[in-house]
Amino acid sequence: MAAPRKYPDEVRERAIREVRATGRPIAHVAKDLGIHKEALRGWVRQAEADRGGRDDRLTTAEQDELKQLRKEVAELRRANEILKAASVFLPRRSTVPGRGRAGDRPPA
């Protein structure tokens, strides 16, 4: 579970809007709003990535998809481990007819 956000979404949006609209340095806007400048810098970069202005970061949608896919891979790996462990207890059967155990042969 993710940690709770320190700043509400409204504050984030307002700060990003102010940086874009005024063109003032991020550090000055952050100081005026009582936000840590590196937090605001990250928000602005993420907003730029979401708008398609940056190629060095994943968009929020891509980050969410990546998180979901990683979770799915972890679940599938756990399921595979369970199946591998359970296969030790299952009898082996031949895939060639007539080559399995005596009880597996079709009646002649």
PDB file of N, CA and C in Angstrom:
ATOM      1  N   MET A   1       0.841  -1.172   0.000  1.00  0.00           N
ATOM      2  CA  MET A   1       0.000   0.000   0.000  1.00  0.00           C
ATOM      3  C   MET A   1       0.890   1.242   0.000  1.00  0.00           C
ATOM      4  N   ALA A   2       0.507   2.219  -0.782  1.00  0.00           N
ATOM      5  CA  ALA A   2       1.291   3.436  -0.894  1.00  0.00           C
ATOM      6  C   ALA A   2       1.109   4.310   0.348  1.00  0.00           C
ATOM      7  N   ALA A   3       2.125   5.099   0.603  1.00  0.00           N
ATOM      8  CA  ALA A   3       2.066   6.017   1.735  1.00  0.00           C
ATOM      9  C   ALA A   3       1.063   7.132   1.432  1.00  0.00           C
ATOM     10  N   PRO A   4       0.424   7.681   2.458  1.00  0.00           N
ATOM     11  CA  PRO A   4      -0.514   8.774   2.207  1.00  0.00           C
ATOM     12  C   PRO A   4       0.222   9.994   1.666  1.00  0.00           C
ATOM     13  N   ARG A   5      -0.461  10.723   0.825  1.00  0.00           N
ATOM     14  CA  ARG A   5       0.154  11.909   0.220  1.00  0.00           C
ATOM     15  C   ARG A   5       0.190  13.063   1.218  1.00  0.00           C
ATOM     16  N   LYS A   6       1.312  13.744   1.195  1.00  0.00           N
ATOM     17  CA  LYS A   6       1.487  14.860   2.122  1.00  0.00           C
ATOM     18  C   LYS A   6       0.696  16.082   1.658  1.00  0.00           C
ATOM     19  N   TYR A   7       0.619  16.262   0.341  1.00  0.00           N
ATOM     20  CA  TYR A   7      -0.069  17.416  -0.232  1.00  0.00           C
ATOM     21  C   TYR A   7      -1.315  16.958  -0.980  1.00  0.00           C
ATOM     22  N   PRO A   8      -2.455  17.625  -0.771  1.00  0.00           N
ATOM     23  CA  PRO A   8      -3.671  17.255  -1.502  1.00  0.00           C
ATOM     24  C   PRO A   8      -3.514  17.504  -3.010  1.00  0.00           C
ATOM     25  N   ASP A   9      -4.320  16.825  -3.806  1.00  0.00           N
ATOM     26  CA  ASP A   9      -4.250  16.961  -5.265  1.00  0.00           C
ATOM     27  C   ASP A   9      -4.519  18.394  -5.717  1.00  0.00           C
ATOM     28  N   GLU A  10      -5.395  19.105  -5.008  1.00  0.00           N
ATOM     29  CA  GLU A  10      -5.708  20.486  -5.389  1.00  0.00           C
ATOM     30  C   GLU A  10      -4.470  21.373  -5.283  1.00  0.00           C
ATOM     31  N   VAL A  11      -3.678  21.139  -4.234  1.00  0.00           N
ATOM     32  CA  VAL A  11      -2.456  21.927  -4.042  1.00  0.00           C
ATOM     33  C   VAL A  11      -1.465  21.612  -5.155  1.00  0.00           C
ATOM     34  N   ARG A  12      -1.358  20.344  -5.505  1.00  0.00           N
ATOM     35  CA  ARG A  12      -0.456  19.943  -6.590  1.00  0.00           C
ATOM     36  C   ARG A  12      -0.844  20.626  -7.893  1.00  0.00           C
ATOM     37  N   GLU A  13      -2.132  20.529  -8.240  1.00  0.00           N
ATOM     38  CA  GLU A  13      -2.604  21.107  -9.501  1.00  0.00           C
ATOM     39  C   GLU A  13      -2.395  22.613  -9.530  1.00  0.00           C
ATOM     40  N   ARG A  14      -2.685  23.267  -8.422  1.00  0.00           N
ATOM     41  CA  ARG A  14      -2.518  24.723  -8.353  1.00  0.00           C
ATOM     42  C   ARG A  14      -1.052  25.111  -8.527  1.00  0.00           C
ATOM     43  N   ALA A  15      -0.160  24.377  -7.868  1.00  0.00           N
ATOM     44  CA  ALA A  15       1.268  24.680  -7.957  1.00  0.00           C
ATOM     45  C   ALA A  15       1.780  24.463  -9.374  1.00  0.00           C
ATOM     46  N   ILE A  16       1.379  23.382 -10.001  1.00  0.00           N
ATOM     47  CA  ILE A  16       1.816  23.110 -11.382  1.00  0.00           C
ATOM     48  C   ILE A  16       1.287  24.192 -12.314  1.00  0.00           C
ATOM     49  N   ARG A  17       0.014  24.556 -12.140  1.00  0.00           N
ATOM     50  CA  ARG A  17      -0.577  25.616 -12.974  1.00  0.00           C
ATOM     51  C   ARG A  17       0.176  26.929 -12.815  1.00  0.00           C
ATOM     52  N   GLU A  18       0.552  27.239 -11.576  1.00  0.00           N
ATOM     53  CA  GLU A  18       1.248  28.505 -11.318  1.00  0.00           C
ATOM     54  C   GLU A  18       2.634  28.514 -11.961  1.00  0.00           C
ATOM     55  N   VAL A  19       3.341  27.389 -11.902  1.00  0.00           N
ATOM     56  CA  VAL A  19       4.665  27.309 -12.530  1.00  0.00           C
ATOM     57  C   VAL A  19       4.540  27.502 -14.027  1.00  0.00           C
ATOM     58  N   ARG A  20       3.544  26.844 -14.636  1.00  0.00           N
ATOM     59  CA  ARG A  20       3.352  26.957 -16.088  1.00  0.00           C
ATOM     60  C   ARG A  20       2.922  28.354 -16.484  1.00  0.00           C
ATOM     61  N   ALA A  21       1.967  28.922 -15.754  1.00  0.00           N
ATOM     62  CA  ALA A  21       1.378  30.203 -16.137  1.00  0.00           C
ATOM     63  C   ALA A  21       2.338  31.373 -15.936  1.00  0.00           C
ATOM     64  N   THR A  22       3.068  31.381 -14.835  1.00  0.00           N
ATOM     65  CA  THR A  22       3.900  32.538 -14.520  1.00  0.00           C
ATOM     66  C   THR A  22       5.299  32.433 -15.094  1.00  0.00           C
ATOM     67  N   GLY A  23       5.782  31.215 -15.284  1.00  0.00           N
ATOM     68  CA  GLY A  23       7.152  31.059 -15.765  1.00  0.00           C
ATOM     69  C   GLY A  23       8.188  31.347 -14.685  1.00  0.00           C
ATOM     70  N   ARG A  24       7.737  31.515 -13.456  1.00  0.00           N
ATOM     71  CA  ARG A  24       8.664  31.759 -12.355  1.00  0.00           C
ATOM     72  C   ARG A  24       9.431  30.486 -12.042  1.00  0.00           C
ATOM     73  N   PRO A  25      10.600  30.619 -11.438  1.00  0.00           N
ATOM     74  CA  PRO A  25      11.362  29.426 -11.052  1.00  0.00           C
ATOM     75  C   PRO A  25      10.580  28.565 -10.056  1.00  0.00           C
ATOM     76  N   ILE A  26      10.769  27.271 -10.184  1.00  0.00           N
ATOM     77  CA  ILE A  26      10.056  26.324  -9.333  1.00  0.00           C
ATOM     78  C   ILE A  26      10.341  26.595  -7.859  1.00  0.00           C
ATOM     79  N   ALA A  27      11.580  26.911  -7.533  1.00  0.00           N
ATOM     80  CA  ALA A  27      11.949  27.153  -6.136  1.00  0.00           C
ATOM     81  C   ALA A  27      11.158  28.322  -5.547  1.00  0.00           C
ATOM     82  N   HIS A  28      10.920  29.377  -6.341  1.00  0.00           N
ATOM     83  CA  HIS A  28      10.177  30.545  -5.839  1.00  0.00           C
ATOM     84  C   HIS A  28       8.706  30.207  -5.624  1.00  0.00           C
ATOM     85  N   VAL A  29       8.120  29.506  -6.579  1.00  0.00           N
ATOM     86  CA  VAL A  29       6.717  29.115  -6.443  1.00  0.00           C
ATOM     87  C   VAL A  29       6.555  28.192  -5.238  1.00  0.00           C
ATOM     88  N   ALA A  30       7.478  27.246  -5.085  1.00  0.00           N
ATOM     89  CA  ALA A  30       7.415  26.301  -3.963  1.00  0.00           C
ATOM     90  C   ALA A  30       7.503  27.035  -2.625  1.00  0.00           C
ATOM     91  N   LYS A  31       8.401  28.000  -2.548  1.00  0.00           N
ATOM     92  CA  LYS A  31       8.560  28.751  -1.302  1.00  0.00           C
ATOM     93  C   LYS A  31       7.289  29.530  -0.978  1.00  0.00           C
ATOM     94  N   ASP A  32       6.681  30.149  -1.996  1.00  0.00           N
ATOM     95  CA  ASP A  32       5.450  30.912  -1.784  1.00  0.00           C
ATOM     96  C   ASP A  32       4.303  30.034  -1.296  1.00  0.00           C
ATOM     97  N   LEU A  33       4.252  28.803  -1.791  1.00  0.00           N
ATOM     98  CA  LEU A  33       3.140  27.906  -1.443  1.00  0.00           C
ATOM     99  C   LEU A  33       3.450  26.998  -0.255  1.00  0.00           C
ATOM    100  N   GLY A  34       4.678  27.056   0.248  1.00  0.00           N
ATOM    101  CA  GLY A  34       5.053  26.225   1.390  1.00  0.00           C
ATOM    102  C   GLY A  34       5.229  24.764   1.024  1.00  0.00           C
ATOM    103  N   ILE A  35       5.729  24.524  -0.187  1.00  0.00           N
ATOM    104  CA  ILE A  35       5.952  23.168  -0.689  1.00  0.00           C
ATOM    105  C   ILE A  35       7.455  22.985  -0.863  1.00  0.00           C
ATOM    106  N   HIS A  36       7.931  21.781  -0.637  1.00  0.00           N
ATOM    107  CA  HIS A  36       9.350  21.510  -0.866  1.00  0.00           C
ATOM    108  C   HIS A  36       9.623  21.625  -2.367  1.00  0.00           C
ATOM    109  N   LYS A  37      10.710  22.303  -2.720  1.00  0.00           N
ATOM    110  CA  LYS A  37      10.974  22.588  -4.137  1.00  0.00           C
ATOM    111  C   LYS A  37      11.187  21.323  -4.962  1.00  0.00           C
ATOM    112  N   GLU A  38      11.787  20.287  -4.389  1.00  0.00           N
ATOM    113  CA  GLU A  38      12.008  19.059  -5.155  1.00  0.00           C
ATOM    114  C   GLU A  38      10.712  18.298  -5.378  1.00  0.00           C
ATOM    115  N   ALA A  39       9.779  18.421  -4.441  1.00  0.00           N
ATOM    116  CA  ALA A  39       8.462  17.812  -4.642  1.00  0.00           C
ATOM    117  C   ALA A  39       7.769  18.483  -5.822  1.00  0.00           C
ATOM    118  N   LEU A  40       7.773  19.801  -5.829  1.00  0.00           N
ATOM    119  CA  LEU A  40       7.151  20.539  -6.923  1.00  0.00           C
ATOM    120  C   LEU A  40       7.856  20.251  -8.249  1.00  0.00           C
ATOM    121  N   ARG A  41       9.159  20.156  -8.226  1.00  0.00           N
ATOM    122  CA  ARG A  41       9.915  19.865  -9.456  1.00  0.00           C
ATOM    123  C   ARG A  41       9.479  18.502 -10.024  1.00  0.00           C
ATOM    124  N   GLY A  42       9.309  17.517  -9.164  1.00  0.00           N
ATOM    125  CA  GLY A  42       8.848  16.200  -9.604  1.00  0.00           C
ATOM    126  C   GLY A  42       7.444  16.251 -10.178  1.00  0.00           C
ATOM    127  N   TRP A  43       6.554  17.019  -9.535  1.00  0.00           N
ATOM    128  CA  TRP A  43       5.186  17.136 -10.036  1.00  0.00           C
ATOM    129  C   TRP A  43       5.159  17.770 -11.420  1.00  0.00           C
ATOM    130  N   VAL A  44       5.982  18.814 -11.597  1.00  0.00           N
ATOM    131  CA  VAL A  44       6.019  19.509 -12.888  1.00  0.00           C
ATOM    132  C   VAL A  44       6.560  18.569 -13.961  1.00  0.00           C
ATOM    133  N   ARG A  45       7.600  17.837 -13.641  1.00  0.00           N
ATOM    134  CA  ARG A  45       8.160  16.878 -14.609  1.00  0.00           C
ATOM    135  C   ARG A  45       7.140  15.813 -14.973  1.00  0.00           C
ATOM    136  N   GLN A  46       6.421  15.294 -13.985  1.00  0.00           N
ATOM    137  CA  GLN A  46       5.417  14.266 -14.265  1.00  0.00           C
ATOM    138  C   GLN A  46       4.286  14.835 -15.105  1.00  0.00           C
ATOM    139  N   ALA A  47       3.873  16.052 -14.812  1.00  0.00           N
ATOM    140  CA  ALA A  47       2.816  16.690 -15.602  1.00  0.00           C
ATOM    141  C   ALA A  47       3.270  16.875 -17.050  1.00  0.00           C
ATOM    142  N   GLU A  48       4.534  17.237 -17.245  1.00  0.00           N
ATOM    143  CA  GLU A  48       5.075  17.380 -18.603  1.00  0.00           C
ATOM    144  C   GLU A  48       5.091  16.027 -19.319  1.00  0.00           C
ATOM    145  N   ALA A  49       5.444  14.974 -18.608  1.00  0.00           N
ATOM    146  CA  ALA A  49       5.463  13.635 -19.203  1.00  0.00           C
ATOM    147  C   ALA A  49       4.044  13.207 -19.584  1.00  0.00           C
ATOM    148  N   ASP A  50       3.079  13.513 -18.733  1.00  0.00           N
ATOM    149  CA  ASP A  50       1.694  13.150 -19.021  1.00  0.00           C
ATOM    150  C   ASP A  50       1.159  13.892 -20.242  1.00  0.00           C
ATOM    151  N   ARG A  51       1.652  15.094 -20.470  1.00  0.00           N
ATOM    152  CA  ARG A  51       1.227  15.883 -21.628  1.00  0.00           C
ATOM    153  C   ARG A  51       2.014  15.522 -22.882  1.00  0.00           C
ATOM    154  N   GLY A  52       3.034  14.681 -22.733  1.00  0.00           N
ATOM    155  CA  GLY A  52       3.830  14.281 -23.896  1.00  0.00           C
ATOM    156  C   GLY A  52       5.036  15.163 -24.131  1.00  0.00           C
ATOM    157  N   GLY A  53       5.366  16.005 -23.184  1.00  0.00           N
ATOM    158  CA  GLY A  53       6.481  16.927 -23.343  1.00  0.00           C
ATOM    159  C   GLY A  53       7.833  16.349 -22.935  1.00  0.00           C
ATOM    160  N   ARG A  54       7.840  15.186 -22.311  1.00  0.00           N
ATOM    161  CA  ARG A  54       9.101  14.578 -21.866  1.00  0.00           C
ATOM    162  C   ARG A  54       9.138  13.128 -22.304  1.00  0.00           C
ATOM    163  N   ASP A  55      10.306  12.711 -22.770  1.00  0.00           N
ATOM    164  CA  ASP A  55      10.493  11.316 -23.169  1.00  0.00           C
ATOM    165  C   ASP A  55      11.288  10.532 -22.135  1.00  0.00           C
ATOM    166  N   ASP A  56      11.808  11.198 -21.121  1.00  0.00           N
ATOM    167  CA  ASP A  56      12.666  10.530 -20.142  1.00  0.00           C
ATOM    168  C   ASP A  56      11.891   9.946 -18.963  1.00  0.00           C
ATOM    169  N   ARG A  57      10.571  10.112 -18.950  1.00  0.00           N
ATOM    170  CA  ARG A  57       9.739   9.579 -17.861  1.00  0.00           C
ATOM    171  C   ARG A  57       8.536   8.876 -18.437  1.00  0.00           C
ATOM    172  N   LEU A  58       8.026   7.901 -17.695  1.00  0.00           N
ATOM    173  CA  LEU A  58       6.777   7.245 -18.072  1.00  0.00           C
ATOM    174  C   LEU A  58       5.607   8.133 -17.680  1.00  0.00           C
ATOM    175  N   THR A  59       4.536   8.069 -18.455  1.00  0.00           N
ATOM    176  CA  THR A  59       3.337   8.807 -18.076  1.00  0.00           C
ATOM    177  C   THR A  59       2.707   8.104 -16.870  1.00  0.00           C
ATOM    178  N   THR A  60       1.782   8.781 -16.240  1.00  0.00           N
ATOM    179  CA  THR A  60       1.109   8.204 -15.087  1.00  0.00           C
ATOM    180  C   THR A  60       0.369   6.929 -15.483  1.00  0.00           C
ATOM    181  N   ALA A  61      -0.264   6.943 -16.648  1.00  0.00           N
ATOM    182  CA  ALA A  61      -0.982   5.754 -17.124  1.00  0.00           C
ATOM    183  C   ALA A  61      -0.014   4.599 -17.343  1.00  0.00           C
ATOM    184  N   GLU A  62       1.149   4.880 -17.913  1.00  0.00           N
ATOM    185  CA  GLU A  62       2.150   3.838 -18.132  1.00  0.00           C
ATOM    186  C   GLU A  62       2.688   3.300 -16.805  1.00  0.00           C
ATOM    187  N   GLN A  63       2.869   4.177 -15.842  1.00  0.00           N
ATOM    188  CA  GLN A  63       3.328   3.736 -14.523  1.00  0.00           C
ATOM    189  C   GLN A  63       2.300   2.824 -13.872  1.00  0.00           C
ATOM    190  N   ASP A  64       1.018   3.180 -13.987  1.00  0.00           N
ATOM    191  CA  ASP A  64      -0.046   2.347 -13.418  1.00  0.00           C
ATOM    192  C   ASP A  64      -0.090   0.986 -14.105  1.00  0.00           C
ATOM    193  N   GLU A  65       0.062   0.987 -15.432  1.00  0.00           N
ATOM    194  CA  GLU A  65       0.053  -0.274 -16.173  1.00  0.00           C
ATOM    195  C   GLU A  65       1.248  -1.139 -15.783  1.00  0.00           C
ATOM    196  N   LEU A  66       2.411  -0.526 -15.658  1.00  0.00           N
ATOM    197  CA  LEU A  66       3.611  -1.263 -15.268  1.00  0.00           C
ATOM    198  C   LEU A  66       3.447  -1.873 -13.879  1.00  0.00           C
ATOM    199  N   LYS A  67       2.881  -1.117 -12.962  1.00  0.00           N
ATOM    200  CA  LYS A  67       2.652  -1.619 -11.605  1.00  0.00           C
ATOM    201  C   LYS A  67       1.712  -2.824 -11.632  1.00  0.00           C
ATOM    202  N   GLN A  68       0.636  -2.721 -12.437  1.00  0.00           N
ATOM    203  CA  GLN A  68      -0.329  -3.816 -12.539  1.00  0.00           C
ATOM    204  C   GLN A  68       0.328  -5.051 -13.166  1.00  0.00           C
ATOM    205  N   LEU A  69       1.119  -4.864 -14.209  1.00  0.00           N
ATOM    206  CA  LEU A  69       1.778  -5.985 -14.866  1.00  0.00           C
ATOM    207  C   LEU A  69       2.798  -6.658 -13.946  1.00  0.00           C
ATOM    208  N   ARG A  70       3.528  -5.875 -13.178  1.00  0.00           N
ATOM    209  CA  ARG A  70       4.483  -6.462 -12.230  1.00  0.00           C
ATOM    210  C   ARG A  70       3.762  -7.281 -11.163  1.00  0.00           C
ATOM    211  N   LYS A  71       2.624  -6.784 -10.719  1.00  0.00           N
ATOM    212  CA  LYS A  71       1.830  -7.513  -9.730  1.00  0.00           C
ATOM    213  C   LYS A  71       1.341  -8.829 -10.332  1.00  0.00           C
ATOM    214  N   GLU A  72       0.881  -8.780 -11.579  1.00  0.00           N
ATOM    215  CA  GLU A  72       0.401  -9.981 -12.262  1.00  0.00           C
ATOM    216  C   GLU A  72       1.522 -10.999 -12.454  1.00  0.00           C
ATOM    217  N   VAL A  73       2.699 -10.536 -12.826  1.00  0.00           N
ATOM    218  CA  VAL A  73       3.853 -11.433 -12.996  1.00  0.00           C
ATOM    219  C   VAL A  73       4.195 -12.106 -11.673  1.00  0.00           C
ATOM    220  N   ALA A  74       4.172 -11.356 -10.593  1.00  0.00           N
ATOM    221  CA  ALA A  74       4.474 -11.925  -9.276  1.00  0.00           C
ATOM    222  C   ALA A  74       3.454 -13.008  -8.913  1.00  0.00           C
ATOM    223  N   GLU A  75       2.178 -12.751  -9.191  1.00  0.00           N
ATOM    224  CA  GLU A  75       1.140 -13.746  -8.896  1.00  0.00           C
ATOM    225  C   GLU A  75       1.345 -14.998  -9.734  1.00  0.00           C
ATOM    226  N   LEU A  76       1.675 -14.830 -11.012  1.00  0.00           N
ATOM    227  CA  LEU A  76       1.898 -15.982 -11.886  1.00  0.00           C
ATOM    228  C   LEU A  76       3.122 -16.777 -11.461  1.00  0.00           C
ATOM    229  N   ARG A  77       4.146 -16.098 -11.016  1.00  0.00           N
ATOM    230  CA  ARG A  77       5.343 -16.802 -10.535  1.00  0.00           C
ATOM    231  C   ARG A  77       5.019 -17.618  -9.280  1.00  0.00           C
ATOM    232  N   ARG A  78       4.234 -17.027  -8.388  1.00  0.00           N
ATOM    233  CA  ARG A  78       3.826 -17.770  -7.187  1.00  0.00           C
ATOM    234  C   ARG A  78       3.007 -19.001  -7.570  1.00  0.00           C
ATOM    235  N   ALA A  79       2.095 -18.837  -8.525  1.00  0.00           N
ATOM    236  CA  ALA A  79       1.275 -19.964  -8.971  1.00  0.00           C
ATOM    237  C   ALA A  79       2.148 -21.051  -9.596  1.00  0.00           C
ATOM    238  N   ASN A  80       3.136 -20.662 -10.387  1.00  0.00           N
ATOM    239  CA  ASN A  80       4.051 -21.638 -10.989  1.00  0.00           C
ATOM    240  C   ASN A  80       4.829 -22.393  -9.930  1.00  0.00           C
ATOM    241  N   GLU A  81       5.283 -21.705  -8.911  1.00  0.00           N
ATOM    242  CA  GLU A  81       6.020 -22.378  -7.837  1.00  0.00           C
ATOM    243  C   GLU A  81       5.136 -23.386  -7.122  1.00  0.00           C
ATOM    244  N   ILE A  82       3.886 -23.020  -6.902  1.00  0.00           N
ATOM    245  CA  ILE A  82       2.949 -23.944  -6.253  1.00  0.00           C
ATOM    246  C   ILE A  82       2.733 -25.172  -7.131  1.00  0.00           C
ATOM    247  N   LEU A  83       2.556 -24.948  -8.427  1.00  0.00           N
ATOM    248  CA  LEU A  83       2.346 -26.071  -9.342  1.00  0.00           C
ATOM    249  C   LEU A  83       3.576 -26.967  -9.436  1.00  0.00           C
ATOM    250  N   LYS A  84       4.753 -26.356  -9.452  1.00  0.00           N
ATOM    251  CA  LYS A  84       5.986 -27.151  -9.487  1.00  0.00           C
ATOM    252  C   LYS A  84       6.101 -28.011  -8.225  1.00  0.00           C
ATOM    253  N   ALA A  85       5.800 -27.426  -7.091  1.00  0.00           N
ATOM    254  CA  ALA A  85       5.878 -28.168  -5.825  1.00  0.00           C
ATOM    255  C   ALA A  85       4.839 -29.289  -5.796  1.00  0.00           C
ATOM    256  N   ALA A  86       3.658 -29.034  -6.332  1.00  0.00           N
ATOM    257  CA  ALA A  86       2.601 -30.039  -6.326  1.00  0.00           C
ATOM    258  C   ALA A  86       2.879 -31.154  -7.321  1.00  0.00           C
ATOM    259  N   SER A  87       3.608 -30.871  -8.389  1.00  0.00           N
ATOM    260  CA  SER A  87       3.860 -31.886  -9.416  1.00  0.00           C
ATOM    261  C   SER A  87       4.698 -33.042  -8.880  1.00  0.00           C
ATOM    262  N   VAL A  88       5.416 -32.834  -7.820  1.00  0.00           N
ATOM    263  CA  VAL A  88       6.222 -33.892  -7.216  1.00  0.00           C
ATOM    264  C   VAL A  88       5.317 -35.011  -6.702  1.00  0.00           C
ATOM    265  N   PHE A  89       4.115 -34.662  -6.285  1.00  0.00           N
ATOM    266  CA  PHE A  89       3.201 -35.636  -5.700  1.00  0.00           C
ATOM    267  C   PHE A  89       2.313 -36.327  -6.732  1.00  0.00           C
ATOM    268  N   LEU A  90       2.320 -35.857  -7.986  1.00  0.00           N
ATOM    269  CA  LEU A  90       1.479 -36.446  -9.018  1.00  0.00           C
ATOM    270  C   LEU A  90       2.231 -37.552  -9.750  1.00  0.00           C
ATOM    271  N   PRO A  91       1.541 -38.653 -10.117  1.00  0.00           N
ATOM    272  CA  PRO A  91       2.224 -39.730 -10.840  1.00  0.00           C
ATOM    273  C   PRO A  91       2.561 -39.290 -12.256  1.00  0.00           C
ATOM    274  N   ARG A  92       3.687 -39.801 -12.775  1.00  0.00           N
ATOM    275  CA  ARG A  92       4.082 -39.486 -14.150  1.00  0.00           C
ATOM    276  C   ARG A  92       3.333 -40.415 -15.093  1.00  0.00           C
ATOM    277  N   ARG A  93       2.905 -39.876 -16.201  1.00  0.00           N
ATOM    278  CA  ARG A  93       2.210 -40.663 -17.209  1.00  0.00           C
ATOM    279  C   ARG A  93       2.922 -40.487 -18.533  1.00  0.00           C
ATOM    280  N   SER A  94       2.898 -41.508 -19.319  1.00  0.00           N
ATOM    281  CA  SER A  94       3.478 -41.446 -20.646  1.00  0.00           C
ATOM    282  C   SER A  94       2.452 -40.848 -21.594  1.00  0.00           C
ATOM    283  N   THR A  95       2.924 -40.069 -22.577  1.00  0.00           N
ATOM    284  CA  THR A  95       2.021 -39.495 -23.564  1.00  0.00           C
ATOM    285  C   THR A  95       1.822 -40.428 -24.749  1.00  0.00           C
ATOM    286  N   VAL A  96       2.609 -41.499 -24.820  1.00  0.00           N
ATOM    287  CA  VAL A  96       2.483 -42.479 -25.900  1.00  0.00           C
ATOM    288  C   VAL A  96       1.506 -43.555 -25.437  1.00  0.00           C
ATOM    289  N   PRO A  97       0.444 -43.835 -26.234  1.00  0.00           N
ATOM    290  CA  PRO A  97      -0.515 -44.860 -25.820  1.00  0.00           C
ATOM    291  C   PRO A  97       0.172 -46.216 -25.663  1.00  0.00           C
ATOM    292  N   GLY A  98      -0.199 -46.914 -24.611  1.00  0.00           N
ATOM    293  CA  GLY A  98       0.358 -48.233 -24.361  1.00  0.00           C
ATOM    294  C   GLY A  98       1.703 -48.225 -23.673  1.00  0.00           C
ATOM    295  N   ARG A  99       2.260 -47.049 -23.382  1.00  0.00           N
ATOM    296  CA  ARG A  99       3.582 -46.964 -22.755  1.00  0.00           C
ATOM    297  C   ARG A  99       3.508 -46.529 -21.295  1.00  0.00           C
ATOM    298  N   GLY A 100       2.312 -46.334 -20.800  1.00  0.00           N
ATOM    299  CA  GLY A 100       2.165 -45.884 -19.420  1.00  0.00           C
ATOM    300  C   GLY A 100       2.111 -47.054 -18.472  1.00  0.00           C
ATOM    301  N   ARG A 101       1.509 -46.855 -17.341  1.00  0.00           N
ATOM    302  CA  ARG A 101       1.351 -47.920 -16.367  1.00  0.00           C
ATOM    303  C   ARG A 101       0.341 -48.936 -16.886  1.00  0.00           C
ATOM    304  N   ALA A 102       0.293 -50.081 -16.273  1.00  0.00           N
ATOM    305  CA  ALA A 102      -0.587 -51.148 -16.725  1.00  0.00           C
ATOM    306  C   ALA A 102      -2.052 -50.713 -16.709  1.00  0.00           C
ATOM    307  N   GLY A 103      -2.456 -49.970 -15.725  1.00  0.00           N
ATOM    308  CA  GLY A 103      -3.840 -49.524 -15.629  1.00  0.00           C
ATOM    309  C   GLY A 103      -4.199 -48.450 -16.639  1.00  0.00           C
ATOM    310  N   ASP A 104      -3.193 -47.848 -17.296  1.00  0.00           N
ATOM    311  CA  ASP A 104      -3.436 -46.771 -18.247  1.00  0.00           C
ATOM    312  C   ASP A 104      -3.692 -47.287 -19.659  1.00  0.00           C
ATOM    313  N   ARG A 105      -3.407 -48.537 -19.895  1.00  0.00           N
ATOM    314  CA  ARG A 105      -3.534 -49.063 -21.259  1.00  0.00           C
ATOM    315  C   ARG A 105      -5.011 -49.253 -21.613  1.00  0.00           C
ATOM    316  N   PRO A 106      -5.347 -48.920 -22.856  1.00  0.00           N
ATOM    317  CA  PRO A 106      -6.733 -49.152 -23.266  1.00  0.00           C
ATOM    318  C   PRO A 106      -6.988 -50.657 -23.413  1.00  0.00           C
ATOM    319  N   PRO A 107      -8.214 -51.087 -23.188  1.00  0.00           N
ATOM    320  CA  PRO A 107      -8.498 -52.509 -23.300  1.00  0.00           C
ATOM    321  C   PRO A 107      -8.259 -52.995 -24.723  1.00  0.00           C
ATOM    322  N   ALA A 108      -7.727 -54.205 -24.854  1.00  0.00           N
ATOM    323  CA  ALA A 108      -7.379 -54.746 -26.166  1.00  0.00           C
ATOM    324  C   ALA A 108      -8.539 -55.435 -26.830  1.00  0.00           C
TER     325      ALA A 108
END
